[in-house]
Protein backbone atom coordinates (compact mmCIF):
# COMPACT_ATOMS: atom_id res chain seq x y z
CA MET A 1 -2.31 -24.21 -10.33
CA MET A 2 -1.85 -21.16 -12.15
CA THR A 3 0.18 -19.99 -14.37
CA VAL A 4 2.45 -17.19 -15.22
CA SER A 5 0.81 -14.78 -17.04
CA ALA A 6 -1.86 -15.44 -15.09
CA ALA A 7 0.27 -14.36 -11.72
CA ILE A 8 1.50 -11.40 -13.59
CA THR A 9 -2.04 -10.56 -14.29
CA LYS A 10 -3.53 -10.90 -11.06
CA VAL A 11 -0.33 -8.70 -9.47
CA ARG A 12 -0.37 -6.31 -12.30
CA SER A 13 -4.47 -5.86 -11.24
CA LEU A 14 -3.58 -4.87 -7.59
CA LEU A 15 -1.30 -2.63 -8.28
CA MET A 16 -3.25 -0.80 -9.84
CA ASN A 17 -6.34 -0.77 -7.07
CA GLN A 18 -3.59 0.35 -4.74
CA ALA A 19 -1.75 2.55 -6.84
CA VAL A 20 -2.71 5.88 -5.10
CA LEU A 21 -1.69 3.61 -1.68
CA LEU A 22 1.23 2.96 -3.07
CA LEU A 23 2.19 6.74 -4.55
CA ASN A 24 1.48 8.20 -1.16
CA ALA A 25 3.41 5.80 1.05
CA GLY A 26 6.11 6.52 -2.16
CA MET A 27 6.10 10.15 -1.82
CA LEU A 28 5.99 9.57 1.85
CA GLY A 29 9.43 7.87 1.90
CA LEU A 30 10.83 10.52 -0.39
CA GLY A 31 10.01 13.38 1.73
CA THR A 32 11.40 11.46 4.46
CA LEU A 33 14.66 10.90 2.72
CA MET A 34 15.33 14.58 1.21
CA THR A 35 14.46 15.62 5.01
CA ALA A 36 17.42 13.63 6.12
CA ILE A 37 20.16 14.28 3.02
CA LEU A 38 18.65 18.26 3.95
CA GLY A 39 19.25 18.09 7.47
CA PHE A 40 22.38 16.58 7.22
CA VAL A 41 24.05 19.10 4.73
CA TYR A 42 22.50 22.03 7.56
CA TRP A 43 23.87 20.28 10.07
CA TRP A 44 27.24 20.26 8.31
CA PHE A 45 27.65 23.44 6.97
CA ALA A 46 26.38 25.06 10.70
CA ALA A 47 29.23 23.00 11.94
CA ARG A 48 31.78 24.26 9.52
CA SER A 49 30.84 27.76 9.95
CA PHE A 50 29.89 28.58 13.73
CA SER A 51 31.81 27.62 16.84
CA ALA A 52 30.88 24.78 18.42
CA GLU A 53 28.22 26.76 21.18
CA ALA A 54 26.18 28.60 18.60
CA VAL A 55 25.75 25.54 17.18
CA GLY A 56 24.84 23.00 21.17
CA LEU A 57 22.55 25.73 21.25
CA ALA A 58 20.89 25.87 18.55
CA ALA A 59 20.45 22.01 18.31
CA ALA A 60 19.25 22.01 21.92
CA ALA A 61 16.92 25.18 20.47
CA ILE A 62 15.37 23.11 17.72
CA SER A 63 15.26 19.32 20.01
CA LEU A 64 12.81 21.64 22.70
CA MET A 65 11.27 23.36 19.61
CA ASN A 66 10.43 19.79 18.53
CA LEU A 67 9.51 18.83 22.10
CA LEU A 68 7.11 21.36 22.59
CA ALA A 69 5.33 21.09 19.35
CA GLU A 70 4.75 17.07 20.18
CA SER A 71 3.28 17.84 23.80
CA ARG A 72 0.32 19.49 22.25
């Protein structure tokens, strides 16, 4: 049976070996979170500053651009 200090040492060793992977995964998660926050703020501001038709047209244009970019 492994002691607590040996288990902590083993976990620490595994984390150090995978530090770059963990950092990259964390940054991807942070980027996704920031994109969501900024997107919410953008659409909140747009909905209060422009007409519903203009916001709907902008949303449709963005969706179309995303669709065309994904289909390549």
